[in-house]
Amino acid sequence: NEELVKAGVMLAAEGLHPSSRGARVHFSGSQRSVIDGLFAETKELIAGFWLWQVKSLAEAIEWVKRCPNPFDGESEIEIRQVFEAEDFGAEFTPELRAQEEKLRAEMAAQHP
């Protein structure tokens, strides 16, 4: 983690509590149902995350290859891109951009 911070890549990193302390909300049309943890498919659960800002998937892969194995045996680290405004093209109108910026400012004010 130190190396990632020094390189200016790391934006956030957090571990997650066990699924036994969580819940899932299932969506079916307009209906919602809540499923309390512990979840059966534990081998596919997310245990934590890093949020990095890199130039490409290839760069992210190179950083992950340098990470220590998080478990004693086999494990995987999944790499996913976060959507940015530019990804939505013309559908993300100036009005929607302004609304998004307002919400982000409100969130920042709530959690300084």
N, C-alpha and C. Protein backbone atom coordinates (compact mmCIF):
# COMPACT_ATOMS: atom_id res chain seq x y z
N ASN A 1 0.81 -1.20 0.00
CA ASN A 1 0.00 0.00 0.00
C ASN A 1 0.86 1.26 0.00
N GLU A 2 1.96 1.22 0.74
CA GLU A 2 2.84 2.39 0.78
C GLU A 2 3.33 2.77 -0.61
N GLU A 3 3.72 1.77 -1.38
CA GLU A 3 4.23 2.01 -2.73
C GLU A 3 3.14 2.63 -3.61
N LEU A 4 1.91 2.16 -3.46
CA LEU A 4 0.80 2.70 -4.24
C LEU A 4 0.53 4.16 -3.87
N VAL A 5 0.59 4.47 -2.57
CA VAL A 5 0.38 5.85 -2.12
C VAL A 5 1.49 6.75 -2.63
N LYS A 6 2.74 6.29 -2.51
CA LYS A 6 3.87 7.09 -2.97
C LYS A 6 3.81 7.36 -4.47
N ALA A 7 3.27 6.40 -5.24
CA ALA A 7 3.16 6.56 -6.69
C ALA A 7 1.97 7.43 -7.08
N GLY A 8 1.13 7.80 -6.10
CA GLY A 8 -0.04 8.63 -6.40
C GLY A 8 -1.18 7.88 -7.04
N VAL A 9 -1.17 6.56 -6.94
CA VAL A 9 -2.19 5.71 -7.57
C VAL A 9 -3.38 5.48 -6.63
N MET A 10 -3.12 5.29 -5.34
CA MET A 10 -4.15 4.92 -4.37
C MET A 10 -5.07 6.09 -4.07
N LEU A 11 -6.39 5.87 -4.24
CA LEU A 11 -7.39 6.86 -3.87
C LEU A 11 -8.12 6.45 -2.60
N ALA A 12 -8.30 5.12 -2.39
CA ALA A 12 -8.97 4.61 -1.20
C ALA A 12 -8.67 3.13 -1.07
N ALA A 13 -8.79 2.60 0.14
CA ALA A 13 -8.62 1.16 0.38
C ALA A 13 -9.29 0.83 1.70
N GLU A 14 -10.19 -0.11 1.67
CA GLU A 14 -10.91 -0.49 2.88
C GLU A 14 -11.16 -1.99 2.89
N GLY A 15 -11.17 -2.57 4.08
CA GLY A 15 -11.60 -3.95 4.25
C GLY A 15 -13.08 -3.95 4.61
N LEU A 16 -13.74 -5.07 4.37
CA LEU A 16 -15.16 -5.18 4.65
C LEU A 16 -15.40 -6.18 5.78
N HIS A 17 -16.42 -5.93 6.59
CA HIS A 17 -16.82 -6.87 7.63
C HIS A 17 -17.29 -8.17 6.98
N PRO A 18 -17.32 -9.27 7.73
CA PRO A 18 -17.79 -10.54 7.17
C PRO A 18 -19.23 -10.44 6.68
N SER A 19 -19.58 -11.30 5.72
CA SER A 19 -20.94 -11.27 5.17
C SER A 19 -21.99 -11.59 6.23
N SER A 20 -21.60 -12.25 7.32
CA SER A 20 -22.55 -12.56 8.39
C SER A 20 -23.10 -11.30 9.04
N ARG A 21 -22.40 -10.19 8.87
CA ARG A 21 -22.85 -8.92 9.44
C ARG A 21 -23.50 -8.03 8.39
N GLY A 22 -23.76 -8.59 7.20
CA GLY A 22 -24.31 -7.80 6.11
C GLY A 22 -25.68 -8.29 5.67
N ALA A 23 -26.15 -7.74 4.59
CA ALA A 23 -27.44 -8.11 4.00
C ALA A 23 -27.37 -7.85 2.50
N ARG A 24 -28.24 -8.50 1.78
CA ARG A 24 -28.41 -8.24 0.35
C ARG A 24 -29.86 -7.84 0.13
N VAL A 25 -30.08 -6.92 -0.76
CA VAL A 25 -31.43 -6.54 -1.14
C VAL A 25 -31.65 -7.06 -2.55
N HIS A 26 -32.65 -7.94 -2.69
CA HIS A 26 -32.97 -8.54 -3.99
C HIS A 26 -34.07 -7.71 -4.65
N PHE A 27 -33.88 -7.39 -5.92
CA PHE A 27 -34.83 -6.60 -6.70
C PHE A 27 -35.55 -7.51 -7.67
N SER A 28 -36.88 -7.45 -7.68
CA SER A 28 -37.68 -8.18 -8.65
C SER A 28 -38.81 -7.25 -9.07
N GLY A 29 -38.64 -6.57 -10.19
CA GLY A 29 -39.61 -5.54 -10.59
C GLY A 29 -39.66 -4.47 -9.53
N SER A 30 -40.87 -4.18 -9.02
CA SER A 30 -41.01 -3.16 -7.98
C SER A 30 -40.90 -3.75 -6.58
N GLN A 31 -40.75 -5.06 -6.46
CA GLN A 31 -40.66 -5.73 -5.16
C GLN A 31 -39.21 -5.75 -4.67
N ARG A 32 -39.06 -5.68 -3.35
CA ARG A 32 -37.74 -5.76 -2.73
C ARG A 32 -37.81 -6.79 -1.60
N SER A 33 -36.79 -7.61 -1.49
CA SER A 33 -36.71 -8.53 -0.36
C SER A 33 -35.29 -8.47 0.19
N VAL A 34 -35.19 -8.68 1.50
CA VAL A 34 -33.90 -8.59 2.18
C VAL A 34 -33.45 -9.98 2.59
N ILE A 35 -32.20 -10.28 2.29
CA ILE A 35 -31.60 -11.55 2.67
C ILE A 35 -30.47 -11.22 3.63
N ASP A 36 -30.59 -11.71 4.87
CA ASP A 36 -29.55 -11.47 5.86
C ASP A 36 -28.36 -12.38 5.61
N GLY A 37 -27.16 -11.88 5.90
CA GLY A 37 -25.95 -12.69 5.78
C GLY A 37 -25.97 -13.76 6.85
N LEU A 38 -25.28 -14.64 6.73
CA LEU A 38 -24.14 -15.20 6.05
C LEU A 38 -24.57 -15.74 4.69
N PHE A 39 -23.80 -15.48 3.66
CA PHE A 39 -24.16 -15.90 2.32
C PHE A 39 -23.45 -17.18 1.95
N ALA A 40 -24.17 -18.06 1.25
CA ALA A 40 -23.67 -19.40 0.92
C ALA A 40 -22.43 -19.36 0.02
N GLU A 41 -22.43 -18.52 -0.99
CA GLU A 41 -21.32 -18.48 -1.95
C GLU A 41 -20.18 -17.62 -1.44
N THR A 42 -19.63 -18.02 -0.29
CA THR A 42 -18.59 -17.20 0.33
C THR A 42 -17.32 -17.11 -0.50
N LYS A 43 -17.08 -18.09 -1.37
CA LYS A 43 -15.85 -18.02 -2.16
C LYS A 43 -15.91 -16.92 -3.21
N GLU A 44 -17.10 -16.33 -3.42
CA GLU A 44 -17.24 -15.27 -4.41
C GLU A 44 -17.53 -13.91 -3.79
N LEU A 45 -17.31 -13.78 -2.49
CA LEU A 45 -17.59 -12.52 -1.82
C LEU A 45 -16.40 -11.57 -1.91
N ILE A 46 -16.71 -10.29 -1.94
CA ILE A 46 -15.68 -9.26 -1.91
C ILE A 46 -15.25 -9.06 -0.46
N ALA A 47 -13.96 -9.08 -0.20
CA ALA A 47 -13.45 -8.91 1.16
C ALA A 47 -12.98 -7.49 1.43
N GLY A 48 -12.77 -6.74 0.38
CA GLY A 48 -12.30 -5.37 0.53
C GLY A 48 -12.07 -4.77 -0.84
N PHE A 49 -11.55 -3.56 -0.86
CA PHE A 49 -11.31 -2.94 -2.16
C PHE A 49 -10.19 -1.92 -2.07
N TRP A 50 -9.60 -1.69 -3.21
CA TRP A 50 -8.68 -0.57 -3.42
C TRP A 50 -9.31 0.27 -4.51
N LEU A 51 -9.20 1.54 -4.42
CA LEU A 51 -9.63 2.44 -5.48
C LEU A 51 -8.39 3.17 -5.97
N TRP A 52 -8.02 2.88 -7.21
CA TRP A 52 -6.80 3.46 -7.79
C TRP A 52 -7.16 4.32 -8.97
N GLN A 53 -6.30 5.26 -9.28
CA GLN A 53 -6.44 6.03 -10.51
C GLN A 53 -5.22 5.74 -11.36
N VAL A 54 -5.44 4.97 -12.43
CA VAL A 54 -4.37 4.59 -13.34
C VAL A 54 -4.78 4.94 -14.76
N LYS A 55 -3.83 4.88 -15.68
CA LYS A 55 -4.09 5.26 -17.06
C LYS A 55 -4.78 4.18 -17.88
N SER A 56 -4.64 2.91 -17.46
CA SER A 56 -5.17 1.83 -18.28
C SER A 56 -5.36 0.56 -17.46
N LEU A 57 -6.10 -0.38 -18.05
CA LEU A 57 -6.25 -1.70 -17.43
C LEU A 57 -4.88 -2.37 -17.31
N ALA A 58 -4.05 -2.21 -18.32
CA ALA A 58 -2.71 -2.81 -18.29
C ALA A 58 -1.90 -2.31 -17.10
N GLU A 59 -2.00 -1.02 -16.81
CA GLU A 59 -1.27 -0.48 -15.65
C GLU A 59 -1.82 -1.06 -14.36
N ALA A 60 -3.15 -1.17 -14.26
CA ALA A 60 -3.77 -1.76 -13.06
C ALA A 60 -3.29 -3.20 -12.88
N ILE A 61 -3.24 -3.95 -13.97
CA ILE A 61 -2.78 -5.34 -13.90
C ILE A 61 -1.34 -5.40 -13.39
N GLU A 62 -0.50 -4.52 -13.87
CA GLU A 62 0.89 -4.52 -13.41
C GLU A 62 0.98 -4.23 -11.91
N TRP A 63 0.15 -3.31 -11.41
CA TRP A 63 0.15 -3.03 -9.97
C TRP A 63 -0.33 -4.25 -9.19
N VAL A 64 -1.41 -4.90 -9.66
CA VAL A 64 -1.94 -6.07 -8.95
C VAL A 64 -0.92 -7.19 -8.91
N LYS A 65 -0.18 -7.38 -9.97
CA LYS A 65 0.85 -8.44 -10.00
C LYS A 65 1.90 -8.22 -8.92
N ARG A 66 2.07 -7.00 -8.47
CA ARG A 66 3.06 -6.69 -7.44
C ARG A 66 2.49 -6.86 -6.03
N CYS A 67 1.18 -7.07 -5.90
CA CYS A 67 0.54 -7.22 -4.60
C CYS A 67 0.88 -8.57 -3.99
N PRO A 68 0.97 -8.64 -2.67
CA PRO A 68 1.14 -9.95 -2.03
C PRO A 68 -0.16 -10.74 -2.15
N ASN A 69 -0.05 -12.07 -2.15
CA ASN A 69 -1.24 -12.92 -2.17
C ASN A 69 -2.01 -12.67 -0.88
N PRO A 70 -3.30 -12.31 -0.95
CA PRO A 70 -4.04 -11.99 0.27
C PRO A 70 -4.34 -13.20 1.16
N PHE A 71 -4.21 -14.42 0.64
CA PHE A 71 -4.49 -15.64 1.41
C PHE A 71 -3.33 -16.62 1.26
N ASP A 72 -3.31 -17.65 2.11
CA ASP A 72 -2.24 -18.64 2.05
C ASP A 72 -2.29 -19.47 0.77
N GLY A 73 -3.49 -19.84 0.34
CA GLY A 73 -3.63 -20.67 -0.85
C GLY A 73 -3.84 -19.83 -2.09
N GLU A 74 -4.70 -20.35 -2.96
CA GLU A 74 -5.01 -19.62 -4.19
C GLU A 74 -6.02 -18.52 -3.90
N SER A 75 -5.94 -17.44 -4.64
CA SER A 75 -6.90 -16.35 -4.50
C SER A 75 -6.89 -15.53 -5.78
N GLU A 76 -7.81 -14.61 -5.87
CA GLU A 76 -7.89 -13.73 -7.04
C GLU A 76 -8.16 -12.31 -6.59
N ILE A 77 -7.69 -11.38 -7.36
CA ILE A 77 -8.05 -9.98 -7.18
C ILE A 77 -8.71 -9.55 -8.48
N GLU A 78 -9.95 -9.10 -8.37
CA GLU A 78 -10.70 -8.67 -9.55
C GLU A 78 -10.45 -7.19 -9.80
N ILE A 79 -10.30 -6.84 -11.05
CA ILE A 79 -10.06 -5.45 -11.44
C ILE A 79 -11.28 -4.96 -12.20
N ARG A 80 -11.85 -3.85 -11.74
CA ARG A 80 -13.02 -3.26 -12.39
C ARG A 80 -12.82 -1.77 -12.52
N GLN A 81 -13.31 -1.21 -13.60
CA GLN A 81 -13.22 0.23 -13.82
C GLN A 81 -14.44 0.92 -13.22
N VAL A 82 -14.24 2.09 -12.66
CA VAL A 82 -15.33 2.92 -12.15
C VAL A 82 -15.79 3.82 -13.29
N PHE A 83 -17.11 3.96 -13.44
CA PHE A 83 -17.63 4.85 -14.47
C PHE A 83 -17.25 6.30 -14.18
N GLU A 84 -16.91 7.01 -15.23
CA GLU A 84 -16.66 8.45 -15.13
C GLU A 84 -17.62 9.15 -16.07
N ALA A 85 -17.82 10.44 -15.87
CA ALA A 85 -18.80 11.21 -16.65
C ALA A 85 -18.62 11.01 -18.15
N GLU A 86 -17.39 10.98 -18.62
CA GLU A 86 -17.11 10.86 -20.05
C GLU A 86 -17.62 9.55 -20.64
N ASP A 87 -17.77 8.53 -19.80
CA ASP A 87 -18.22 7.23 -20.29
C ASP A 87 -19.67 7.25 -20.77
N PHE A 88 -20.45 8.24 -20.37
CA PHE A 88 -21.87 8.29 -20.71
C PHE A 88 -22.17 9.10 -21.95
N GLY A 89 -21.18 9.76 -22.50
CA GLY A 89 -21.36 10.49 -23.75
C GLY A 89 -22.41 11.58 -23.67
N ALA A 90 -23.12 11.79 -24.78
CA ALA A 90 -24.09 12.88 -24.90
C ALA A 90 -25.29 12.71 -23.97
N GLU A 91 -25.56 11.47 -23.54
CA GLU A 91 -26.69 11.24 -22.63
C GLU A 91 -26.49 11.93 -21.28
N PHE A 92 -25.23 12.18 -20.94
CA PHE A 92 -24.93 12.86 -19.68
C PHE A 92 -24.92 14.35 -19.97
N THR A 93 -26.11 14.92 -20.01
CA THR A 93 -26.32 16.31 -20.42
C THR A 93 -25.70 17.29 -19.41
N PRO A 94 -25.54 18.54 -19.81
CA PRO A 94 -25.04 19.55 -18.86
C PRO A 94 -25.90 19.64 -17.60
N GLU A 95 -27.21 19.44 -17.75
CA GLU A 95 -28.10 19.48 -16.58
C GLU A 95 -27.78 18.32 -15.63
N LEU A 96 -27.60 17.13 -16.19
CA LEU A 96 -27.27 15.98 -15.35
C LEU A 96 -25.89 16.14 -14.71
N ARG A 97 -24.95 16.72 -15.45
CA ARG A 97 -23.62 16.97 -14.89
C ARG A 97 -23.71 17.93 -13.70
N ALA A 98 -24.51 18.99 -13.85
CA ALA A 98 -24.68 19.97 -12.77
C ALA A 98 -25.32 19.30 -11.55
N GLN A 99 -26.31 18.45 -11.79
CA GLN A 99 -26.97 17.74 -10.70
C GLN A 99 -25.97 16.82 -9.99
N GLU A 100 -25.15 16.12 -10.75
CA GLU A 100 -24.13 15.23 -10.18
C GLU A 100 -23.13 16.02 -9.35
N GLU A 101 -22.66 17.14 -9.85
CA GLU A 101 -21.71 17.97 -9.12
C GLU A 101 -22.31 18.49 -7.82
N LYS A 102 -23.59 18.86 -7.86
CA LYS A 102 -24.28 19.34 -6.66
C LYS A 102 -24.34 18.24 -5.60
N LEU A 103 -24.69 17.02 -6.03
CA LEU A 103 -24.76 15.90 -5.09
C LEU A 103 -23.40 15.58 -4.49
N ARG A 104 -22.36 15.62 -5.31
CA ARG A 104 -21.01 15.35 -4.81
C ARG A 104 -20.59 16.42 -3.80
N ALA A 105 -20.94 17.67 -4.05
CA ALA A 105 -20.62 18.75 -3.12
C ALA A 105 -21.36 18.54 -1.80
N GLU A 106 -22.62 18.13 -1.87
CA GLU A 106 -23.40 17.86 -0.65
C GLU A 106 -22.79 16.72 0.15
N MET A 107 -22.38 15.66 -0.54
CA MET A 107 -21.75 14.53 0.15
C MET A 107 -20.45 14.95 0.81
N ALA A 108 -19.66 15.74 0.12
CA ALA A 108 -18.38 16.20 0.67
C ALA A 108 -18.61 17.06 1.91
N ALA A 109 -19.66 17.88 1.89
CA ALA A 109 -19.97 18.73 3.04
C ALA A 109 -20.44 17.89 4.23
N GLN A 110 -21.13 16.80 3.96
CA GLN A 110 -21.63 15.93 5.04
C GLN A 110 -20.52 15.12 5.69
N HIS A 111 -19.48 14.82 4.92
CA HIS A 111 -18.40 13.96 5.41
C HIS A 111 -17.04 14.61 5.14
N PRO A 112 -16.77 15.70 5.87
CA PRO A 112 -15.50 16.41 5.62
C PRO A 112 -14.29 15.59 6.01
